[in-house]
Amino acid sequence: MFQFSLVTPEKKVVENIDISEVIVPAHRGELNILKGHSPLMSTLGTGVLKFKRSGEGAYECAAISWGYLEVGPTGVTVLAETAETGDAVDKQRAEDALEKAKSELKKPGLGADQIEKLQFKMKKAEARIALAEQD
């Protein structure tokens, strides 16, 4: 049995389901985790997380923004700042957020922290759009 849980500070998105595989947007690239993977802890980036339930061929996906990953002998736990499944994503709202962040970045006199915050908003919106386009 190889189980997967995806939680945020506000909700349990997926809890203790049997999976065969999970692909996560780690801080420095994607990680593909299968049963038998070595124990691991990692920070996550913003992007689309994919997982396959045991015995199924199709991936289920969620857009996540930042978090932590723990791989243990019995499975994978992801604690993300935010997580949305495809049915929860409003594509138009995500596109509007992306355009707003892009236009804000063009304003002169932004500090480094403001630029970093806007870039994070762009990545989050791009992940949500990518998820909406998969459905």
C-alpha atoms as a PDB file:
ATOM      1  CA  MET A   1       0.000   0.000   0.000  1.00  0.00           C
ATOM      2  CA  PHE A   2       1.368   3.406  -1.044  1.00  0.00           C
ATOM      3  CA  GLN A   3      -0.782   6.278   0.149  1.00  0.00           C
ATOM      4  CA  PHE A   4      -1.032   9.940  -0.790  1.00  0.00           C
ATOM      5  CA  SER A   5      -2.359  12.960   1.088  1.00  0.00           C
ATOM      6  CA  LEU A   6      -2.530  16.570  -0.102  1.00  0.00           C
ATOM      7  CA  VAL A   7      -3.410  19.131   2.534  1.00  0.00           C
ATOM      8  CA  THR A   8      -3.342  22.887   2.973  1.00  0.00           C
ATOM      9  CA  PRO A   9      -3.649  24.847   6.211  1.00  0.00           C
ATOM     10  CA  GLU A  10      -7.368  25.247   5.425  1.00  0.00           C
ATOM     11  CA  LYS A  11      -8.454  21.884   3.996  1.00  0.00           C
ATOM     12  CA  LYS A  12      -7.705  18.279   3.169  1.00  0.00           C
ATOM     13  CA  VAL A  13      -7.763  18.071  -0.625  1.00  0.00           C
ATOM     14  CA  VAL A  14      -6.885  14.353  -0.849  1.00  0.00           C
ATOM     15  CA  GLU A  15      -6.483  12.110   2.162  1.00  0.00           C
ATOM     16  CA  ASN A  16      -4.902   8.654   2.370  1.00  0.00           C
ATOM     17  CA  ILE A  17      -5.733   7.339  -1.090  1.00  0.00           C
ATOM     18  CA  ASP A  18      -3.828   4.438  -2.604  1.00  0.00           C
ATOM     19  CA  ILE A  19      -1.653   5.619  -5.479  1.00  0.00           C
ATOM     20  CA  SER A  20       0.857   4.157  -7.886  1.00  0.00           C
ATOM     21  CA  GLU A  21       2.659   7.403  -8.724  1.00  0.00           C
ATOM     22  CA  VAL A  22       2.851  11.107  -7.903  1.00  0.00           C
ATOM     23  CA  ILE A  23       4.653  13.875  -9.804  1.00  0.00           C
ATOM     24  CA  VAL A  24       5.334  17.073  -7.873  1.00  0.00           C
ATOM     25  CA  PRO A  25       6.751  20.472  -8.833  1.00  0.00           C
ATOM     26  CA  ALA A  26       9.740  20.498  -6.484  1.00  0.00           C
ATOM     27  CA  HIS A  27      11.782  23.593  -5.806  1.00  0.00           C
ATOM     28  CA  ARG A  28      14.377  22.690  -8.446  1.00  0.00           C
ATOM     29  CA  GLY A  29      12.334  20.672 -10.939  1.00  0.00           C
ATOM     30  CA  GLU A  30       9.802  17.859 -11.079  1.00  0.00           C
ATOM     31  CA  LEU A  31      10.037  14.777  -8.907  1.00  0.00           C
ATOM     32  CA  ASN A  32       8.402  11.519  -9.975  1.00  0.00           C
ATOM     33  CA  ILE A  33       7.754   9.337  -6.943  1.00  0.00           C
ATOM     34  CA  LEU A  34       6.849   5.655  -7.110  1.00  0.00           C
ATOM     35  CA  LYS A  35       6.359   3.001  -4.437  1.00  0.00           C
ATOM     36  CA  GLY A  36       9.730   2.076  -2.942  1.00  0.00           C
ATOM     37  CA  HIS A  37      11.178   5.590  -3.307  1.00  0.00           C
ATOM     38  CA  SER A  38      13.836   6.470  -0.770  1.00  0.00           C
ATOM     39  CA  PRO A  39      12.700   8.604   2.173  1.00  0.00           C
ATOM     40  CA  LEU A  40      12.792  12.258   1.191  1.00  0.00           C
ATOM     41  CA  MET A  41      11.805  15.697   2.386  1.00  0.00           C
ATOM     42  CA  SER A  42      11.735  18.584  -0.064  1.00  0.00           C
ATOM     43  CA  THR A  43      10.347  22.040  -0.565  1.00  0.00           C
ATOM     44  CA  LEU A  44       7.891  22.424  -3.405  1.00  0.00           C
ATOM     45  CA  GLY A  45       7.505  25.104  -6.006  1.00  0.00           C
ATOM     46  CA  THR A  46       4.354  26.382  -7.644  1.00  0.00           C
ATOM     47  CA  GLY A  47       2.887  24.257 -10.414  1.00  0.00           C
ATOM     48  CA  VAL A  48       0.704  21.295 -11.298  1.00  0.00           C
ATOM     49  CA  LEU A  49       0.895  18.194  -9.108  1.00  0.00           C
ATOM     50  CA  LYS A  50      -0.194  14.897 -10.740  1.00  0.00           C
ATOM     51  CA  PHE A  51      -1.061  11.567  -9.175  1.00  0.00           C
ATOM     52  CA  LYS A  52      -2.412   8.200 -10.320  1.00  0.00           C
ATOM     53  CA  ARG A  53      -4.696   6.147  -8.163  1.00  0.00           C
ATOM     54  CA  SER A  54      -3.692   2.493  -7.870  1.00  0.00           C
ATOM     55  CA  GLY A  55      -5.036   0.489 -10.786  1.00  0.00           C
ATOM     56  CA  GLU A  56      -5.940   3.542 -12.881  1.00  0.00           C
ATOM     57  CA  GLY A  57      -4.200   4.911 -15.954  1.00  0.00           C
ATOM     58  CA  ALA A  58      -5.165   8.580 -15.895  1.00  0.00           C
ATOM     59  CA  TYR A  59      -3.592  11.270 -13.763  1.00  0.00           C
ATOM     60  CA  GLU A  60      -5.592  13.434 -11.408  1.00  0.00           C
ATOM     61  CA  CYS A  61      -4.163  16.919 -10.975  1.00  0.00           C
ATOM     62  CA  ALA A  62      -4.072  19.878  -8.617  1.00  0.00           C
ATOM     63  CA  ALA A  63      -2.492  23.306  -8.877  1.00  0.00           C
ATOM     64  CA  ILE A  64      -0.340  23.944  -5.821  1.00  0.00           C
ATOM     65  CA  SER A  65       1.617  26.918  -4.626  1.00  0.00           C
ATOM     66  CA  TRP A  66       4.650  26.343  -2.504  1.00  0.00           C
ATOM     67  CA  GLY A  67       4.878  23.771   0.250  1.00  0.00           C
ATOM     68  CA  TYR A  68       6.602  20.709   1.584  1.00  0.00           C
ATOM     69  CA  LEU A  69       6.812  17.085   0.528  1.00  0.00           C
ATOM     70  CA  GLU A  70       7.537  14.058   2.685  1.00  0.00           C
ATOM     71  CA  VAL A  71       8.107  10.615   1.213  1.00  0.00           C
ATOM     72  CA  GLY A  72       8.114   7.761   3.681  1.00  0.00           C
ATOM     73  CA  PRO A  73       7.879   3.984   3.513  1.00  0.00           C
ATOM     74  CA  THR A  74       4.064   4.045   3.375  1.00  0.00           C
ATOM     75  CA  GLY A  75       3.496   6.967   1.049  1.00  0.00           C
ATOM     76  CA  VAL A  76       3.666  10.649   0.223  1.00  0.00           C
ATOM     77  CA  THR A  77       2.343  13.657   2.100  1.00  0.00           C
ATOM     78  CA  VAL A  78       2.199  17.133   0.557  1.00  0.00           C
ATOM     79  CA  LEU A  79       1.521  20.201   2.657  1.00  0.00           C
ATOM     80  CA  ALA A  80       0.900  23.073   0.237  1.00  0.00           C
ATOM     81  CA  GLU A  81       0.185  26.718   0.899  1.00  0.00           C
ATOM     82  CA  THR A  82      -2.737  26.444  -1.549  1.00  0.00           C
ATOM     83  CA  ALA A  83      -4.112  23.579  -3.635  1.00  0.00           C
ATOM     84  CA  GLU A  84      -6.956  23.489  -6.135  1.00  0.00           C
ATOM     85  CA  THR A  85      -8.331  20.658  -8.196  1.00  0.00           C
ATOM     86  CA  GLY A  86      -9.372  21.279 -11.800  1.00  0.00           C
ATOM     87  CA  ASP A  87     -13.075  21.574 -11.030  1.00  0.00           C
ATOM     88  CA  ALA A  88     -12.347  24.360  -8.524  1.00  0.00           C
ATOM     89  CA  VAL A  89     -10.316  26.546 -10.909  1.00  0.00           C
ATOM     90  CA  ASP A  90     -11.973  29.544 -12.517  1.00  0.00           C
ATOM     91  CA  LYS A  91      -9.866  29.915 -15.671  1.00  0.00           C
ATOM     92  CA  GLN A  92     -11.031  33.453 -16.426  1.00  0.00           C
ATOM     93  CA  ARG A  93     -10.196  34.583 -12.910  1.00  0.00           C
ATOM     94  CA  ALA A  94      -6.739  32.995 -13.209  1.00  0.00           C
ATOM     95  CA  GLU A  95      -6.156  34.713 -16.568  1.00  0.00           C
ATOM     96  CA  ASP A  96      -7.224  38.044 -15.064  1.00  0.00           C
ATOM     97  CA  ALA A  97      -4.834  37.533 -12.130  1.00  0.00           C
ATOM     98  CA  LEU A  98      -1.996  36.752 -14.545  1.00  0.00           C
ATOM     99  CA  GLU A  99      -2.617  39.892 -16.602  1.00  0.00           C
ATOM    100  CA  LYS A 100      -2.884  42.041 -13.478  1.00  0.00           C
ATOM    101  CA  ALA A 101       0.431  40.720 -12.127  1.00  0.00           C
ATOM    102  CA  LYS A 102       2.124  41.291 -15.506  1.00  0.00           C
ATOM    103  CA  SER A 103       0.900  44.877 -15.687  1.00  0.00           C
ATOM    104  CA  GLU A 104       1.931  45.551 -12.079  1.00  0.00           C
ATOM    105  CA  LEU A 105       5.445  44.291 -12.889  1.00  0.00           C
ATOM    106  CA  LYS A 106       5.767  46.948 -15.575  1.00  0.00           C
ATOM    107  CA  LYS A 107       5.376  49.780 -13.077  1.00  0.00           C
ATOM    108  CA  PRO A 108       8.584  51.653 -12.287  1.00  0.00           C
ATOM    109  CA  GLY A 109      10.070  51.806  -8.817  1.00  0.00           C
ATOM    110  CA  LEU A 110       9.136  48.361  -7.558  1.00  0.00           C
ATOM    111  CA  GLY A 111      11.230  46.949  -4.768  1.00  0.00           C
ATOM    112  CA  ALA A 112      12.756  43.475  -4.879  1.00  0.00           C
ATOM    113  CA  ASP A 113      10.147  42.114  -2.464  1.00  0.00           C
ATOM    114  CA  GLN A 114       7.306  43.512  -4.586  1.00  0.00           C
ATOM    115  CA  ILE A 115       8.795  41.966  -7.737  1.00  0.00           C
ATOM    116  CA  GLU A 116       9.166  38.590  -6.005  1.00  0.00           C
ATOM    117  CA  LYS A 117       5.553  38.723  -4.780  1.00  0.00           C
ATOM    118  CA  LEU A 118       4.253  39.555  -8.271  1.00  0.00           C
ATOM    119  CA  GLN A 119       6.336  36.793  -9.855  1.00  0.00           C
ATOM    120  CA  PHE A 120       4.849  34.343  -7.345  1.00  0.00           C
ATOM    121  CA  LYS A 121       1.345  35.521  -8.285  1.00  0.00           C
ATOM    122  CA  MET A 122       2.187  34.977 -11.953  1.00  0.00           C
ATOM    123  CA  LYS A 123       3.424  31.428 -11.341  1.00  0.00           C
ATOM    124  CA  LYS A 124       0.338  30.609  -9.306  1.00  0.00           C
ATOM    125  CA  ALA A 125      -1.972  31.948 -12.032  1.00  0.00           C
ATOM    126  CA  GLU A 126      -0.036  30.074 -14.737  1.00  0.00           C
ATOM    127  CA  ALA A 127      -0.381  26.803 -12.793  1.00  0.00           C
ATOM    128  CA  ARG A 128      -4.124  27.354 -12.379  1.00  0.00           C
ATOM    129  CA  ILE A 129      -4.510  28.096 -16.112  1.00  0.00           C
ATOM    130  CA  ALA A 130      -2.493  24.994 -17.052  1.00  0.00           C
ATOM    131  CA  LEU A 131      -4.709  22.885 -14.793  1.00  0.00           C
ATOM    132  CA  ALA A 132      -7.901  24.361 -16.239  1.00  0.00           C
ATOM    133  CA  GLU A 133      -6.684  23.642 -19.773  1.00  0.00           C
ATOM    134  CA  GLN A 134      -6.053  19.969 -18.927  1.00  0.00           C
ATOM    135  CA  ASP A 135      -9.687  19.356 -18.039  1.00  0.00           C
END
